[in-house]
Every structure is written in C-alpha cells, then in structure tokens.
C-alpha cells in the first residue's frame, strides 16, 4: 500500500524468521535502518 506499517508489520514481520532476517540484512547492507520509517520506505 506504500504505508510503512502495512509493509513492515504485515508483509515482513508476519513471515518466518528466515525471511525477516533476509530483509533486515538487506537493509543493513544497503545502509538502511529497518526500525526507521523513512528507511523502510
């Protein structure tokens, strides 16, 4: 939807741990903080 809460809380955190870790590691490698709304966008 383009909303941070929809993407991160639903599409990421409701997936299994391996998928969550892949996304979090992706953010880290791309210089992003997955705990910040701006960086999630």
ModelCIF file with pLDDT and N, C-alpha, C, O atoms, coordinates in Angstrom:
data_MODEL
#
_entry.id   MODEL 
#
_entity.id                         1 
_entity.type                       polymer 
_entity.pdbx_number_of_molecules   1 
#
_entity_poly.entity_id                      1 
_entity_poly.type                           'polypeptide(L)' 
_entity_poly.nstd_linkage                   no 
_entity_poly.nstd_monomer                   no 
_entity_poly.pdbx_seq_one_letter_code       
;(UNK)(UNK)(UNK)(UNK)(UNK)(UNK)(UNK)(UNK)(UNK)(UNK)(UNK)(UNK)(UNK)(UNK)(UNK)(UNK)
(UNK)(UNK)(UNK)(UNK)(UNK)(UNK)(UNK)(UNK)(UNK)(UNK)(UNK)(UNK)(UNK)(UNK)(UNK)(UNK)
(UNK)(UNK)(UNK)(UNK)(UNK)(UNK)(UNK)(UNK)(UNK)
;
_entity_poly.pdbx_seq_one_letter_code_can   XXXXXXXXXXXXXXXXXXXXXXXXXXXXXXXXXXXXXXXXX 
_entity_poly.pdbx_strand_id                 A 
#
loop_
_entity_poly_seq.entity_id 
_entity_poly_seq.num 
_entity_poly_seq.mon_id 
_entity_poly_seq.hetero 
1 1  UNK n 
1 2  UNK n 
1 3  UNK n 
1 4  UNK n 
1 5  UNK n 
1 6  UNK n 
1 7  UNK n 
1 8  UNK n 
1 9  UNK n 
1 10 UNK n 
1 11 UNK n 
1 12 UNK n 
1 13 UNK n 
1 14 UNK n 
1 15 UNK n 
1 16 UNK n 
1 17 UNK n 
1 18 UNK n 
1 19 UNK n 
1 20 UNK n 
1 21 UNK n 
1 22 UNK n 
1 23 UNK n 
1 24 UNK n 
1 25 UNK n 
1 26 UNK n 
1 27 UNK n 
1 28 UNK n 
1 29 UNK n 
1 30 UNK n 
1 31 UNK n 
1 32 UNK n 
1 33 UNK n 
1 34 UNK n 
1 35 UNK n 
1 36 UNK n 
1 37 UNK n 
1 38 UNK n 
1 39 UNK n 
1 40 UNK n 
1 41 UNK n 
#
_struct_asym.id          A 
_struct_asym.entity_id   1 
#
loop_
_ma_qa_metric.id 
_ma_qa_metric.mode 
_ma_qa_metric.name 
_ma_qa_metric.software_group_id 
_ma_qa_metric.type 
1 global pLDDT . pLDDT 
2 local  pLDDT . pLDDT 
#
_ma_qa_metric_global.metric_id      1 
_ma_qa_metric_global.metric_value   94.73 
_ma_qa_metric_global.model_id       1 
_ma_qa_metric_global.ordinal_id     1 
#
loop_
_ma_qa_metric_local.label_asym_id 
_ma_qa_metric_local.label_comp_id 
_ma_qa_metric_local.label_seq_id 
_ma_qa_metric_local.metric_id 
_ma_qa_metric_local.metric_value 
_ma_qa_metric_local.model_id 
_ma_qa_metric_local.ordinal_id 
A UNK 1  2 90.00 1 1  
A UNK 2  2 83.00 1 2  
A UNK 3  2 89.00 1 3  
A UNK 4  2 91.00 1 4  
A UNK 5  2 89.00 1 5  
A UNK 6  2 90.00 1 6  
A UNK 7  2 95.00 1 7  
A UNK 8  2 95.00 1 8  
A UNK 9  2 94.00 1 9  
A UNK 10 2 94.00 1 10 
A UNK 11 2 95.00 1 11 
A UNK 12 2 96.00 1 12 
A UNK 13 2 95.00 1 13 
A UNK 14 2 94.00 1 14 
A UNK 15 2 95.00 1 15 
A UNK 16 2 94.00 1 16 
A UNK 17 2 96.00 1 17 
A UNK 18 2 95.00 1 18 
A UNK 19 2 96.00 1 19 
A UNK 20 2 96.00 1 20 
A UNK 21 2 96.00 1 21 
A UNK 22 2 96.00 1 22 
A UNK 23 2 97.00 1 23 
A UNK 24 2 97.00 1 24 
A UNK 25 2 96.00 1 25 
A UNK 26 2 97.00 1 26 
A UNK 27 2 97.00 1 27 
A UNK 28 2 96.00 1 28 
A UNK 29 2 96.00 1 29 
A UNK 30 2 97.00 1 30 
A UNK 31 2 96.00 1 31 
A UNK 32 2 97.00 1 32 
A UNK 33 2 97.00 1 33 
A UNK 34 2 95.00 1 34 
A UNK 35 2 94.00 1 35 
A UNK 36 2 96.00 1 36 
A UNK 37 2 96.00 1 37 
A UNK 38 2 96.00 1 38 
A UNK 39 2 97.00 1 39 
A UNK 40 2 97.00 1 40 
A UNK 41 2 96.00 1 41 
#
loop_
_atom_site.group_PDB 
_atom_site.id 
_atom_site.type_symbol 
_atom_site.label_atom_id 
_atom_site.label_alt_id 
_atom_site.label_comp_id 
_atom_site.label_asym_id 
_atom_site.label_entity_id 
_atom_site.label_seq_id 
_atom_site.pdbx_PDB_ins_code 
_atom_site.Cartn_x 
_atom_site.Cartn_y 
_atom_site.Cartn_z 
_atom_site.occupancy 
_atom_site.B_iso_or_equiv 
_atom_site.pdbx_formal_charge 
_atom_site.auth_seq_id 
_atom_site.auth_comp_id 
_atom_site.auth_asym_id 
_atom_site.auth_atom_id 
_atom_site.pdbx_PDB_model_num 
ATOM 1   N N  . UNK A 1 1  ? 0.828  -1.223  0.000  1.00 90.00 ? 1  UNK A N  1 
ATOM 2   C CA . UNK A 1 1  ? 0.000  0.000   0.000  1.00 90.00 ? 1  UNK A CA 1 
ATOM 3   C C  . UNK A 1 1  ? 0.852  1.258   0.000  1.00 90.00 ? 1  UNK A C  1 
ATOM 4   O O  . UNK A 1 1  ? 0.353  2.354   -0.254 1.00 90.00 ? 1  UNK A O  1 
ATOM 5   N N  . UNK A 1 2  ? 2.142  1.098   0.286  1.00 83.00 ? 2  UNK A N  1 
ATOM 6   C CA . UNK A 1 2  ? 3.007  2.262   0.396  1.00 83.00 ? 2  UNK A CA 1 
ATOM 7   C C  . UNK A 1 2  ? 3.109  2.784   1.819  1.00 83.00 ? 2  UNK A C  1 
ATOM 8   O O  . UNK A 1 2  ? 3.861  3.721   2.086  1.00 83.00 ? 2  UNK A O  1 
ATOM 9   N N  . UNK A 1 3  ? 2.353  2.182   2.737  1.00 89.00 ? 3  UNK A N  1 
ATOM 10  C CA . UNK A 1 3  ? 2.403  2.584   4.144  1.00 89.00 ? 3  UNK A CA 1 
ATOM 11  C C  . UNK A 1 3  ? 3.424  1.710   4.871  1.00 89.00 ? 3  UNK A C  1 
ATOM 12  O O  . UNK A 1 3  ? 3.483  0.497   4.672  1.00 89.00 ? 3  UNK A O  1 
ATOM 13  N N  . UNK A 1 4  ? 4.220  2.355   5.712  1.00 91.00 ? 4  UNK A N  1 
ATOM 14  C CA . UNK A 1 4  ? 5.272  1.643   6.430  1.00 91.00 ? 4  UNK A CA 1 
ATOM 15  C C  . UNK A 1 4  ? 4.704  0.506   7.270  1.00 91.00 ? 4  UNK A C  1 
ATOM 16  O O  . UNK A 1 4  ? 5.226  -0.609  7.253  1.00 91.00 ? 4  UNK A O  1 
ATOM 17  N N  . UNK A 1 5  ? 3.625  0.794   8.010  1.00 89.00 ? 5  UNK A N  1 
ATOM 18  C CA . UNK A 1 5  ? 3.082  -0.225  8.909  1.00 89.00 ? 5  UNK A CA 1 
ATOM 19  C C  . UNK A 1 5  ? 2.551  -1.439  8.153  1.00 89.00 ? 5  UNK A C  1 
ATOM 20  O O  . UNK A 1 5  ? 2.641  -2.566  8.639  1.00 89.00 ? 5  UNK A O  1 
ATOM 21  N N  . UNK A 1 6  ? 1.990  -1.205  6.946  1.00 90.00 ? 6  UNK A N  1 
ATOM 22  C CA . UNK A 1 6  ? 1.494  -2.334  6.153  1.00 90.00 ? 6  UNK A CA 1 
ATOM 23  C C  . UNK A 1 6  ? 2.635  -3.198  5.655  1.00 90.00 ? 6  UNK A C  1 
ATOM 24  O O  . UNK A 1 6  ? 2.561  -4.426  5.703  1.00 90.00 ? 6  UNK A O  1 
ATOM 25  N N  . UNK A 1 7  ? 3.687  -2.559  5.180  1.00 95.00 ? 7  UNK A N  1 
ATOM 26  C CA . UNK A 1 7  ? 4.795  -3.317  4.601  1.00 95.00 ? 7  UNK A CA 1 
ATOM 27  C C  . UNK A 1 7  ? 5.596  -4.042  5.675  1.00 95.00 ? 7  UNK A C  1 
ATOM 28  O O  . UNK A 1 7  ? 5.794  -5.255  5.601  1.00 95.00 ? 7  UNK A O  1 
ATOM 29  N N  . UNK A 1 8  ? 6.056  -3.292  6.675  1.00 95.00 ? 8  UNK A N  1 
ATOM 30  C CA . UNK A 1 8  ? 6.959  -3.904  7.656  1.00 95.00 ? 8  UNK A CA 1 
ATOM 31  C C  . UNK A 1 8  ? 6.215  -4.796  8.655  1.00 95.00 ? 8  UNK A C  1 
ATOM 32  O O  . UNK A 1 8  ? 6.610  -5.939  8.889  1.00 95.00 ? 8  UNK A O  1 
ATOM 33  N N  . UNK A 1 9  ? 5.140  -4.268  9.240  1.00 94.00 ? 9  UNK A N  1 
ATOM 34  C CA . UNK A 1 9  ? 4.443  -5.014  10.296 1.00 94.00 ? 9  UNK A CA 1 
ATOM 35  C C  . UNK A 1 9  ? 3.708  -6.227  9.750  1.00 94.00 ? 9  UNK A C  1 
ATOM 36  O O  . UNK A 1 9  ? 3.611  -7.253  10.425 1.00 94.00 ? 9  UNK A O  1 
ATOM 37  N N  . UNK A 1 10 ? 3.187  -6.116  8.528  1.00 94.00 ? 10 UNK A N  1 
ATOM 38  C CA . UNK A 1 10 ? 2.380  -7.203  7.974  1.00 94.00 ? 10 UNK A CA 1 
ATOM 39  C C  . UNK A 1 10 ? 3.184  -8.059  6.989  1.00 94.00 ? 10 UNK A C  1 
ATOM 40  O O  . UNK A 1 10 ? 3.297  -9.273  7.159  1.00 94.00 ? 10 UNK A O  1 
ATOM 41  N N  . UNK A 1 11 ? 3.740  -7.413  5.957  1.00 95.00 ? 11 UNK A N  1 
ATOM 42  C CA . UNK A 1 11 ? 4.371  -8.182  4.888  1.00 95.00 ? 11 UNK A CA 1 
ATOM 43  C C  . UNK A 1 11 ? 5.740  -8.737  5.267  1.00 95.00 ? 11 UNK A C  1 
ATOM 44  O O  . UNK A 1 11 ? 6.202  -9.702  4.658  1.00 95.00 ? 11 UNK A O  1 
ATOM 45  N N  . UNK A 1 12 ? 6.392  -8.148  6.258  1.00 96.00 ? 12 UNK A N  1 
ATOM 46  C CA . UNK A 1 12 ? 7.701  -8.650  6.698  1.00 96.00 ? 12 UNK A CA 1 
ATOM 47  C C  . UNK A 1 12 ? 7.596  -9.440  8.004  1.00 96.00 ? 12 UNK A C  1 
ATOM 48  O O  . UNK A 1 12 ? 7.959  -10.615 8.050  1.00 96.00 ? 12 UNK A O  1 
ATOM 49  N N  . UNK A 1 13 ? 7.105  -8.804  9.050  1.00 95.00 ? 13 UNK A N  1 
ATOM 50  C CA . UNK A 1 13 ? 7.139  -9.425  10.371 1.00 95.00 ? 13 UNK A CA 1 
ATOM 51  C C  . UNK A 1 13 ? 6.179  -10.595 10.529 1.00 95.00 ? 13 UNK A C  1 
ATOM 52  O O  . UNK A 1 13 ? 6.348  -11.402 11.443 1.00 95.00 ? 13 UNK A O  1 
ATOM 53  N N  . UNK A 1 14 ? 5.188  -10.707 9.672  1.00 94.00 ? 14 UNK A N  1 
ATOM 54  C CA . UNK A 1 14 ? 4.297  -11.866 9.749  1.00 94.00 ? 14 UNK A CA 1 
ATOM 55  C C  . UNK A 1 14 ? 4.821  -13.064 8.954  1.00 94.00 ? 14 UNK A C  1 
ATOM 56  O O  . UNK A 1 14 ? 4.166  -14.103 8.881  1.00 94.00 ? 14 UNK A O  1 
ATOM 57  N N  . UNK A 1 15 ? 6.010  -12.909 8.359  1.00 95.00 ? 15 UNK A N  1 
ATOM 58  C CA . UNK A 1 15 ? 6.651  -14.018 7.653  1.00 95.00 ? 15 UNK A CA 1 
ATOM 59  C C  . UNK A 1 15 ? 7.568  -14.769 8.611  1.00 95.00 ? 15 UNK A C  1 
ATOM 60  O O  . UNK A 1 15 ? 7.742  -14.355 9.758  1.00 95.00 ? 15 UNK A O  1 
ATOM 61  N N  . UNK A 1 16 ? 8.153  -15.869 8.147  1.00 94.00 ? 16 UNK A N  1 
ATOM 62  C CA . UNK A 1 16 ? 9.017  -16.644 9.042  1.00 94.00 ? 16 UNK A CA 1 
ATOM 63  C C  . UNK A 1 16 ? 10.323 -15.902 9.325  1.00 94.00 ? 16 UNK A C  1 
ATOM 64  O O  . UNK A 1 16 ? 10.653 -14.915 8.668  1.00 94.00 ? 16 UNK A O  1 
ATOM 65  N N  . UNK A 1 17 ? 11.053 -16.405 10.320 1.00 96.00 ? 17 UNK A N  1 
ATOM 66  C CA . UNK A 1 17 ? 12.255 -15.735 10.794 1.00 96.00 ? 17 UNK A CA 1 
ATOM 67  C C  . UNK A 1 17 ? 13.329 -15.604 9.716  1.00 96.00 ? 17 UNK A C  1 
ATOM 68  O O  . UNK A 1 17 ? 14.015 -14.584 9.646  1.00 96.00 ? 17 UNK A O  1 
ATOM 69  N N  . UNK A 1 18 ? 13.479 -16.625 8.879  1.00 95.00 ? 18 UNK A N  1 
ATOM 70  C CA . UNK A 1 18 ? 14.498 -16.561 7.832  1.00 95.00 ? 18 UNK A CA 1 
ATOM 71  C C  . UNK A 1 18 ? 14.224 -15.413 6.865  1.00 95.00 ? 18 UNK A C  1 
ATOM 72  O O  . UNK A 1 18 ? 15.135 -14.692 6.457  1.00 95.00 ? 18 UNK A O  1 
ATOM 73  N N  . UNK A 1 19 ? 12.949 -15.260 6.509  1.00 96.00 ? 19 UNK A N  1 
ATOM 74  C CA . UNK A 1 19 ? 12.591 -14.172 5.597  1.00 96.00 ? 19 UNK A CA 1 
ATOM 75  C C  . UNK A 1 19 ? 12.798 -12.822 6.284  1.00 96.00 ? 19 UNK A C  1 
ATOM 76  O O  . UNK A 1 19 ? 13.324 -11.894 5.669  1.00 96.00 ? 19 UNK A O  1 
ATOM 77  N N  . UNK A 1 20 ? 12.398 -12.700 7.531  1.00 96.00 ? 20 UNK A N  1 
ATOM 78  C CA . UNK A 1 20 ? 12.611 -11.463 8.278  1.00 96.00 ? 20 UNK A CA 1 
ATOM 79  C C  . UNK A 1 20 ? 14.101 -11.108 8.311  1.00 96.00 ? 20 UNK A C  1 
ATOM 80  O O  . UNK A 1 20 ? 14.481 -9.960  8.083  1.00 96.00 ? 20 UNK A O  1 
ATOM 81  N N  . UNK A 1 21 ? 14.924 -12.095 8.594  1.00 96.00 ? 21 UNK A N  1 
ATOM 82  C CA . UNK A 1 21 ? 16.367 -11.853 8.679  1.00 96.00 ? 21 UNK A CA 1 
ATOM 83  C C  . UNK A 1 21 ? 16.953 -11.451 7.329  1.00 96.00 ? 21 UNK A C  1 
ATOM 84  O O  . UNK A 1 21 ? 17.861 -10.621 7.264  1.00 96.00 ? 21 UNK A O  1 
ATOM 85  N N  . UNK A 1 22 ? 16.432 -12.041 6.248  1.00 96.00 ? 22 UNK A N  1 
ATOM 86  C CA . UNK A 1 22 ? 16.907 -11.671 4.922  1.00 96.00 ? 22 UNK A CA 1 
ATOM 87  C C  . UNK A 1 22 ? 16.623 -10.189 4.665  1.00 96.00 ? 22 UNK A C  1 
ATOM 88  O O  . UNK A 1 22 ? 17.487 -9.457  4.183  1.00 96.00 ? 22 UNK A O  1 
ATOM 89  N N  . UNK A 1 23 ? 15.408 -9.762  4.992  1.00 97.00 ? 23 UNK A N  1 
ATOM 90  C CA . UNK A 1 23 ? 15.048 -8.352  4.792  1.00 97.00 ? 23 UNK A CA 1 
ATOM 91  C C  . UNK A 1 23 ? 15.908 -7.441  5.661  1.00 97.00 ? 23 UNK A C  1 
ATOM 92  O O  . UNK A 1 23 ? 16.413 -6.425  5.183  1.00 97.00 ? 23 UNK A O  1 
ATOM 93  N N  . UNK A 1 24 ? 16.077 -7.795  6.930  1.00 97.00 ? 24 UNK A N  1 
ATOM 94  C CA . UNK A 1 24 ? 16.867 -6.956  7.835  1.00 97.00 ? 24 UNK A CA 1 
ATOM 95  C C  . UNK A 1 24 ? 18.320 -6.870  7.382  1.00 97.00 ? 24 UNK A C  1 
ATOM 96  O O  . UNK A 1 24 ? 18.924 -5.797  7.424  1.00 97.00 ? 24 UNK A O  1 
ATOM 97  N N  . UNK A 1 25 ? 18.881 -7.992  6.949  1.00 96.00 ? 25 UNK A N  1 
ATOM 98  C CA . UNK A 1 25 ? 20.258 -7.987  6.446  1.00 96.00 ? 25 UNK A CA 1 
ATOM 99  C C  . UNK A 1 25 ? 20.375 -7.189  5.153  1.00 96.00 ? 25 UNK A C  1 
ATOM 100 O O  . UNK A 1 25 ? 21.372 -6.506  4.914  1.00 96.00 ? 25 UNK A O  1 
ATOM 101 N N  . UNK A 1 26 ? 19.336 -7.287  4.324  1.00 97.00 ? 26 UNK A N  1 
ATOM 102 C CA . UNK A 1 26 ? 19.310 -6.486  3.106  1.00 97.00 ? 26 UNK A CA 1 
ATOM 103 C C  . UNK A 1 26 ? 19.378 -4.998  3.448  1.00 97.00 ? 26 UNK A C  1 
ATOM 104 O O  . UNK A 1 26 ? 20.159 -4.256  2.853  1.00 97.00 ? 26 UNK A O  1 
ATOM 105 N N  . UNK A 1 27 ? 18.570 -4.574  4.395  1.00 97.00 ? 27 UNK A N  1 
ATOM 106 C CA . UNK A 1 27 ? 18.561 -3.160  4.806  1.00 97.00 ? 27 UNK A CA 1 
ATOM 107 C C  . UNK A 1 27 ? 19.934 -2.744  5.321  1.00 97.00 ? 27 UNK A C  1 
ATOM 108 O O  . UNK A 1 27 ? 20.439 -1.678  4.969  1.00 97.00 ? 27 UNK A O  1 
ATOM 109 N N  . UNK A 1 28 ? 20.530 -3.581  6.147  1.00 96.00 ? 28 UNK A N  1 
ATOM 110 C CA . UNK A 1 28 ? 21.852 -3.262  6.700  1.00 96.00 ? 28 UNK A CA 1 
ATOM 111 C C  . UNK A 1 28 ? 22.882 -3.088  5.605  1.00 96.00 ? 28 UNK A C  1 
ATOM 112 O O  . UNK A 1 28 ? 23.665 -2.138  5.626  1.00 96.00 ? 28 UNK A O  1 
ATOM 113 N N  . UNK A 1 29 ? 22.884 -4.015  4.635  1.00 96.00 ? 29 UNK A N  1 
ATOM 114 C CA . UNK A 1 29 ? 23.845 -3.941  3.531  1.00 96.00 ? 29 UNK A CA 1 
ATOM 115 C C  . UNK A 1 29 ? 23.613 -2.721  2.639  1.00 96.00 ? 29 UNK A C  1 
ATOM 116 O O  . UNK A 1 29 ? 24.549 -2.219  2.016  1.00 96.00 ? 29 UNK A O  1 
ATOM 117 N N  . UNK A 1 30 ? 22.385 -2.250  2.579  1.00 97.00 ? 30 UNK A N  1 
ATOM 118 C CA . UNK A 1 30 ? 22.058 -1.082  1.755  1.00 97.00 ? 30 UNK A CA 1 
ATOM 119 C C  . UNK A 1 30 ? 22.132 0.223   2.551  1.00 97.00 ? 30 UNK A C  1 
ATOM 120 O O  . UNK A 1 30 ? 21.712 1.275   2.069  1.00 97.00 ? 30 UNK A O  1 
ATOM 121 N N  . UNK A 1 31 ? 22.665 0.148   3.770  1.00 96.00 ? 31 UNK A N  1 
ATOM 122 C CA . UNK A 1 31 ? 22.846 1.333   4.585  1.00 96.00 ? 31 UNK A CA 1 
ATOM 123 C C  . UNK A 1 31 ? 21.558 1.886   5.156  1.00 96.00 ? 31 UNK A C  1 
ATOM 124 O O  . UNK A 1 31 ? 21.440 3.093   5.368  1.00 96.00 ? 31 UNK A O  1 
ATOM 125 N N  . UNK A 1 32 ? 20.584 1.011   5.411  1.00 97.00 ? 32 UNK A N  1 
ATOM 126 C CA . UNK A 1 32 ? 19.279 1.431   5.916  1.00 97.00 ? 32 UNK A CA 1 
ATOM 127 C C  . UNK A 1 32 ? 19.025 0.862   7.303  1.00 97.00 ? 32 UNK A C  1 
ATOM 128 O O  . UNK A 1 32 ? 19.525 -0.208  7.651  1.00 97.00 ? 32 UNK A O  1 
ATOM 129 N N  . UNK A 1 33 ? 18.237 1.596   8.094  1.00 97.00 ? 33 UNK A N  1 
ATOM 130 C CA . UNK A 1 33 ? 17.834 1.150   9.423  1.00 97.00 ? 33 UNK A CA 1 
ATOM 131 C C  . UNK A 1 33 ? 16.368 0.720   9.354  1.00 97.00 ? 33 UNK A C  1 
ATOM 132 O O  . UNK A 1 33 ? 15.480 1.556   9.189  1.00 97.00 ? 33 UNK A O  1 
ATOM 133 N N  . UNK A 1 34 ? 16.117 -0.583  9.479  1.00 95.00 ? 34 UNK A N  1 
ATOM 134 C CA . UNK A 1 34 ? 14.755 -1.104  9.309  1.00 95.00 ? 34 UNK A CA 1 
ATOM 135 C C  . UNK A 1 34 ? 13.825 -0.716  10.458 1.00 95.00 ? 34 UNK A C  1 
ATOM 136 O O  . UNK A 1 34 ? 12.644 -1.062  10.434 1.00 95.00 ? 34 UNK A O  1 
ATOM 137 N N  . UNK A 1 35 ? 14.339 -0.005  11.462 1.00 94.00 ? 35 UNK A N  1 
ATOM 138 C CA . UNK A 1 35 ? 13.494 0.475   12.550 1.00 94.00 ? 35 UNK A CA 1 
ATOM 139 C C  . UNK A 1 35 ? 13.015 1.912   12.327 1.00 94.00 ? 35 UNK A C  1 
ATOM 140 O O  . UNK A 1 35 ? 12.249 2.452   13.124 1.00 94.00 ? 35 UNK A O  1 
ATOM 141 N N  . UNK A 1 36 ? 13.474 2.514   11.242 1.00 96.00 ? 36 UNK A N  1 
ATOM 142 C CA . UNK A 1 36 ? 13.075 3.886   10.935 1.00 96.00 ? 36 UNK A CA 1 
ATOM 143 C C  . UNK A 1 36 ? 12.132 3.900   9.734  1.00 96.00 ? 36 UNK A C  1 
ATOM 144 O O  . UNK A 1 36 ? 12.403 3.265   8.715  1.00 96.00 ? 36 UNK A O  1 
ATOM 145 N N  . UNK A 1 37 ? 11.034 4.624   9.861  1.00 96.00 ? 37 UNK A N  1 
ATOM 146 C CA . UNK A 1 37 ? 10.022 4.669   8.804  1.00 96.00 ? 37 UNK A CA 1 
ATOM 147 C C  . UNK A 1 37 ? 10.610 5.155   7.483  1.00 96.00 ? 37 UNK A C  1 
ATOM 148 O O  . UNK A 1 37 ? 10.327 4.593   6.424  1.00 96.00 ? 37 UNK A O  1 
ATOM 149 N N  . UNK A 1 38 ? 11.418 6.188   7.553  1.00 96.00 ? 38 UNK A N  1 
ATOM 150 C CA . UNK A 1 38 ? 11.998 6.746   6.323  1.00 96.00 ? 38 UNK A CA 1 
ATOM 151 C C  . UNK A 1 38 ? 12.842 5.717   5.590  1.00 96.00 ? 38 UNK A C  1 
ATOM 152 O O  . UNK A 1 38 ? 12.787 5.624   4.363  1.00 96.00 ? 38 UNK A O  1 
ATOM 153 N N  . UNK A 1 39 ? 13.618 4.951   6.330  1.00 97.00 ? 39 UNK A N  1 
ATOM 154 C CA . UNK A 1 39 ? 14.480 3.947   5.706  1.00 97.00 ? 39 UNK A CA 1 
ATOM 155 C C  . UNK A 1 39 ? 13.676 2.754   5.199  1.00 97.00 ? 39 UNK A C  1 
ATOM 156 O O  . UNK A 1 39 ? 14.050 2.143   4.197  1.00 97.00 ? 39 UNK A O  1 
ATOM 157 N N  . UNK A 1 40 ? 12.584 2.414   5.870  1.00 97.00 ? 40 UNK A N  1 
ATOM 158 C CA . UNK A 1 40 ? 11.717 1.343   5.362  1.00 97.00 ? 40 UNK A CA 1 
ATOM 159 C C  . UNK A 1 40 ? 11.125 1.743   4.011  1.00 97.00 ? 40 UNK A C  1 
ATOM 160 O O  . UNK A 1 40 ? 11.062 0.935   3.084  1.00 97.00 ? 40 UNK A O  1 
ATOM 161 N N  . UNK A 1 41 ? 10.690 3.004   3.913  1.00 96.00 ? 41 UNK A N  1 
ATOM 162 C CA . UNK A 1 41 ? 10.165 3.498   2.635  1.00 96.00 ? 41 UNK A CA 1 
ATOM 163 C C  . UNK A 1 41 ? 11.249 3.465   1.556  1.00 96.00 ? 41 UNK A C  1 
ATOM 164 O O  . UNK A 1 41 ? 10.994 3.844   0.413  1.00 96.00 ? 41 UNK A O  1 
#
